[in-house]
Amino acid sequence: MVEPKVAELIVSMDLILQDVTVPKNIRKVVEDSKAHLLKPGELNLRSGNAIYALDSVSEDVNMPLHARTQIWNLLSNLERLRE
């Protein structure tokens, strides 16, 4: 079973994944981050791996502004999970 906070993040990630204006390489990183969150194990480790992946593309110049804002929101929420 997925934790409620993680489930909210997955919904946000799915919105980015369905957005065709977001470049494929960024959607791939979001997909990988989603996979990290869904793996079994310690929540701190899973969220840390997701943060690491998303942080690598958060400043991509090809990312639309609305997607950048969504990525930053995801990063912020993931940081709260780690605490």
N, C-alpha and C. Protein backbone atom coordinates (compact mmCIF):
# COMPACT_ATOMS: atom_id res chain seq x y z
N MET A 1 0.83 -1.18 0.00
CA MET A 1 0.00 0.00 0.00
C MET A 1 0.87 1.25 0.00
N VAL A 2 0.47 2.23 -0.79
CA VAL A 2 1.22 3.47 -0.91
C VAL A 2 0.76 4.45 0.18
N GLU A 3 1.73 5.10 0.82
CA GLU A 3 1.42 6.08 1.85
C GLU A 3 0.60 7.22 1.23
N PRO A 4 -0.31 7.83 2.00
CA PRO A 4 -1.15 8.91 1.46
C PRO A 4 -0.35 10.09 0.89
N LYS A 5 0.72 10.49 1.57
CA LYS A 5 1.53 11.61 1.09
C LYS A 5 2.22 11.25 -0.23
N VAL A 6 2.68 10.03 -0.33
CA VAL A 6 3.32 9.57 -1.56
C VAL A 6 2.29 9.50 -2.69
N ALA A 7 1.09 9.07 -2.38
CA ALA A 7 0.03 8.98 -3.38
C ALA A 7 -0.26 10.35 -4.00
N GLU A 8 -0.25 11.40 -3.17
CA GLU A 8 -0.46 12.76 -3.68
C GLU A 8 0.65 13.16 -4.65
N LEU A 9 1.89 12.80 -4.31
CA LEU A 9 3.01 13.12 -5.18
C LEU A 9 2.93 12.35 -6.50
N ILE A 10 2.47 11.12 -6.43
CA ILE A 10 2.33 10.30 -7.63
C ILE A 10 1.32 10.94 -8.58
N VAL A 11 0.24 11.47 -8.04
CA VAL A 11 -0.77 12.14 -8.87
C VAL A 11 -0.14 13.34 -9.57
N SER A 12 0.66 14.12 -8.85
CA SER A 12 1.34 15.27 -9.46
C SER A 12 2.32 14.84 -10.54
N MET A 13 3.02 13.75 -10.28
CA MET A 13 3.96 13.24 -11.28
C MET A 13 3.22 12.76 -12.52
N ASP A 14 2.08 12.12 -12.32
CA ASP A 14 1.30 11.64 -13.46
C ASP A 14 0.83 12.80 -14.34
N LEU A 15 0.52 13.93 -13.74
CA LEU A 15 0.12 15.11 -14.52
C LEU A 15 1.27 15.58 -15.42
N ILE A 16 2.48 15.56 -14.89
CA ILE A 16 3.64 15.94 -15.69
C ILE A 16 3.88 14.91 -16.80
N LEU A 17 3.74 13.64 -16.46
CA LEU A 17 3.97 12.58 -17.44
C LEU A 17 2.98 12.63 -18.60
N GLN A 18 1.78 13.12 -18.35
CA GLN A 18 0.76 13.20 -19.39
C GLN A 18 0.86 14.49 -20.21
N ASP A 19 1.68 15.42 -19.79
CA ASP A 19 1.83 16.71 -20.46
C ASP A 19 2.78 16.58 -21.64
N VAL A 20 2.24 16.67 -22.84
CA VAL A 20 3.07 16.49 -24.05
C VAL A 20 3.97 17.68 -24.33
N THR A 21 3.78 18.80 -23.62
CA THR A 21 4.67 19.95 -23.82
C THR A 21 5.98 19.80 -23.04
N VAL A 22 6.03 18.83 -22.14
CA VAL A 22 7.25 18.56 -21.37
C VAL A 22 8.14 17.64 -22.21
N PRO A 23 9.41 18.02 -22.40
CA PRO A 23 10.32 17.17 -23.19
C PRO A 23 10.41 15.74 -22.64
N LYS A 24 10.67 14.81 -23.55
CA LYS A 24 10.71 13.39 -23.18
C LYS A 24 11.76 13.08 -22.13
N ASN A 25 12.92 13.75 -22.21
CA ASN A 25 13.97 13.45 -21.24
C ASN A 25 13.54 13.83 -19.82
N ILE A 26 12.77 14.88 -19.70
CA ILE A 26 12.28 15.31 -18.38
C ILE A 26 11.19 14.36 -17.90
N ARG A 27 10.31 13.96 -18.80
CA ARG A 27 9.28 12.99 -18.43
C ARG A 27 9.90 11.68 -17.98
N LYS A 28 11.00 11.29 -18.61
CA LYS A 28 11.70 10.06 -18.23
C LYS A 28 12.24 10.17 -16.80
N VAL A 29 12.79 11.31 -16.45
CA VAL A 29 13.30 11.51 -15.09
C VAL A 29 12.16 11.49 -14.09
N VAL A 30 11.03 12.10 -14.43
CA VAL A 30 9.87 12.08 -13.54
C VAL A 30 9.37 10.65 -13.38
N GLU A 31 9.38 9.90 -14.46
CA GLU A 31 8.96 8.49 -14.40
C GLU A 31 9.90 7.69 -13.50
N ASP A 32 11.20 7.95 -13.61
CA ASP A 32 12.17 7.27 -12.76
C ASP A 32 11.97 7.64 -11.28
N SER A 33 11.68 8.92 -11.04
CA SER A 33 11.43 9.37 -9.66
C SER A 33 10.20 8.70 -9.09
N LYS A 34 9.18 8.57 -9.92
CA LYS A 34 7.96 7.90 -9.49
C LYS A 34 8.27 6.44 -9.13
N ALA A 35 9.09 5.80 -9.94
CA ALA A 35 9.46 4.40 -9.67
C ALA A 35 10.22 4.30 -8.34
N HIS A 36 11.09 5.27 -8.06
CA HIS A 36 11.81 5.27 -6.78
C HIS A 36 10.84 5.35 -5.61
N LEU A 37 9.83 6.20 -5.73
CA LEU A 37 8.86 6.35 -4.64
C LEU A 37 8.02 5.10 -4.42
N LEU A 38 7.77 4.37 -5.49
CA LEU A 38 6.90 3.20 -5.39
C LEU A 38 7.64 1.93 -4.96
N LYS A 39 8.97 1.98 -4.93
CA LYS A 39 9.74 0.82 -4.49
C LYS A 39 9.50 0.58 -3.01
N PRO A 40 9.60 -0.68 -2.60
CA PRO A 40 9.51 -0.95 -1.16
C PRO A 40 10.78 -0.47 -0.46
N GLY A 41 10.65 -0.17 0.80
CA GLY A 41 11.81 0.24 1.57
C GLY A 41 11.56 1.50 2.37
N GLU A 42 12.63 2.02 2.92
CA GLU A 42 12.59 3.20 3.78
C GLU A 42 12.17 4.44 2.99
N LEU A 43 11.20 5.16 3.52
CA LEU A 43 10.67 6.35 2.84
C LEU A 43 11.74 7.42 2.65
N ASN A 44 12.62 7.59 3.63
CA ASN A 44 13.69 8.58 3.50
C ASN A 44 14.58 8.29 2.31
N LEU A 45 14.94 7.05 2.13
CA LEU A 45 15.80 6.65 1.02
C LEU A 45 15.09 6.81 -0.32
N ARG A 46 13.84 6.38 -0.37
CA ARG A 46 13.07 6.49 -1.62
C ARG A 46 12.88 7.94 -2.02
N SER A 47 12.53 8.79 -1.06
CA SER A 47 12.33 10.19 -1.39
C SER A 47 13.65 10.87 -1.74
N GLY A 48 14.72 10.47 -1.09
CA GLY A 48 16.04 11.02 -1.42
C GLY A 48 16.46 10.70 -2.84
N ASN A 49 16.21 9.48 -3.27
CA ASN A 49 16.52 9.09 -4.65
C ASN A 49 15.68 9.88 -5.64
N ALA A 50 14.42 10.09 -5.32
CA ALA A 50 13.53 10.86 -6.19
C ALA A 50 13.99 12.32 -6.27
N ILE A 51 14.39 12.87 -5.14
CA ILE A 51 14.88 14.26 -5.11
C ILE A 51 16.12 14.39 -5.97
N TYR A 52 17.04 13.46 -5.82
CA TYR A 52 18.29 13.50 -6.59
C TYR A 52 18.00 13.50 -8.09
N ALA A 53 17.09 12.64 -8.52
CA ALA A 53 16.76 12.56 -9.96
C ALA A 53 16.09 13.83 -10.44
N LEU A 54 15.11 14.33 -9.70
CA LEU A 54 14.38 15.53 -10.13
C LEU A 54 15.25 16.77 -10.09
N ASP A 55 16.14 16.85 -9.12
CA ASP A 55 17.01 18.01 -9.01
C ASP A 55 17.92 18.14 -10.22
N SER A 56 18.27 17.02 -10.81
CA SER A 56 19.18 17.04 -11.97
C SER A 56 18.55 17.72 -13.18
N VAL A 57 17.22 17.74 -13.28
CA VAL A 57 16.56 18.36 -14.43
C VAL A 57 15.80 19.63 -14.08
N SER A 58 15.82 20.02 -12.83
CA SER A 58 14.99 21.16 -12.41
C SER A 58 15.39 22.47 -13.08
N GLU A 59 16.60 22.56 -13.56
CA GLU A 59 17.06 23.78 -14.22
C GLU A 59 17.25 23.60 -15.73
N ASP A 60 16.67 22.57 -16.30
CA ASP A 60 16.78 22.31 -17.73
C ASP A 60 16.17 23.49 -18.51
N VAL A 61 16.93 24.04 -19.44
CA VAL A 61 16.48 25.21 -20.19
C VAL A 61 15.33 24.90 -21.14
N ASN A 62 15.14 23.65 -21.49
CA ASN A 62 14.08 23.26 -22.42
C ASN A 62 12.74 23.02 -21.72
N MET A 63 12.72 23.11 -20.41
CA MET A 63 11.50 22.82 -19.67
C MET A 63 10.57 24.03 -19.71
N PRO A 64 9.29 23.79 -20.02
CA PRO A 64 8.31 24.88 -19.96
C PRO A 64 8.19 25.40 -18.52
N LEU A 65 7.86 26.67 -18.39
CA LEU A 65 7.80 27.29 -17.07
C LEU A 65 6.79 26.62 -16.14
N HIS A 66 5.65 26.22 -16.67
CA HIS A 66 4.66 25.58 -15.80
C HIS A 66 5.18 24.24 -15.28
N ALA A 67 5.94 23.53 -16.09
CA ALA A 67 6.50 22.25 -15.65
C ALA A 67 7.60 22.47 -14.62
N ARG A 68 8.38 23.53 -14.79
CA ARG A 68 9.43 23.84 -13.82
C ARG A 68 8.81 24.10 -12.44
N THR A 69 7.71 24.84 -12.44
CA THR A 69 7.02 25.12 -11.18
C THR A 69 6.51 23.83 -10.55
N GLN A 70 5.97 22.92 -11.37
CA GLN A 70 5.50 21.63 -10.85
C GLN A 70 6.65 20.81 -10.27
N ILE A 71 7.79 20.82 -10.96
CA ILE A 71 8.97 20.09 -10.48
C ILE A 71 9.44 20.67 -9.15
N TRP A 72 9.49 22.01 -9.05
CA TRP A 72 9.91 22.63 -7.79
C TRP A 72 8.95 22.29 -6.66
N ASN A 73 7.65 22.26 -6.95
CA ASN A 73 6.68 21.87 -5.94
C ASN A 73 6.90 20.42 -5.50
N LEU A 74 7.16 19.55 -6.47
CA LEU A 74 7.45 18.15 -6.13
C LEU A 74 8.68 18.06 -5.23
N LEU A 75 9.73 18.79 -5.59
CA LEU A 75 10.95 18.77 -4.79
C LEU A 75 10.69 19.25 -3.36
N SER A 76 9.91 20.30 -3.25
CA SER A 76 9.58 20.83 -1.93
C SER A 76 8.81 19.80 -1.10
N ASN A 77 7.83 19.16 -1.70
CA ASN A 77 7.05 18.15 -0.99
C ASN A 77 7.88 16.91 -0.66
N LEU A 78 8.78 16.55 -1.54
CA LEU A 78 9.66 15.41 -1.26
C LEU A 78 10.60 15.71 -0.10
N GLU A 79 11.07 16.95 -0.03
CA GLU A 79 11.93 17.34 1.09
C GLU A 79 11.18 17.21 2.42
N ARG A 80 9.89 17.56 2.41
CA ARG A 80 9.09 17.42 3.63
C ARG A 80 8.92 15.96 4.03
N LEU A 81 8.86 15.08 3.04
CA LEU A 81 8.76 13.64 3.34
C LEU A 81 10.00 13.12 4.04
N ARG A 82 11.14 13.67 3.68
CA ARG A 82 12.39 13.20 4.26
C ARG A 82 12.53 13.57 5.73
N GLU A 83 11.82 14.60 6.15
CA GLU A 83 11.94 15.08 7.55
C GLU A 83 11.18 14.22 8.52
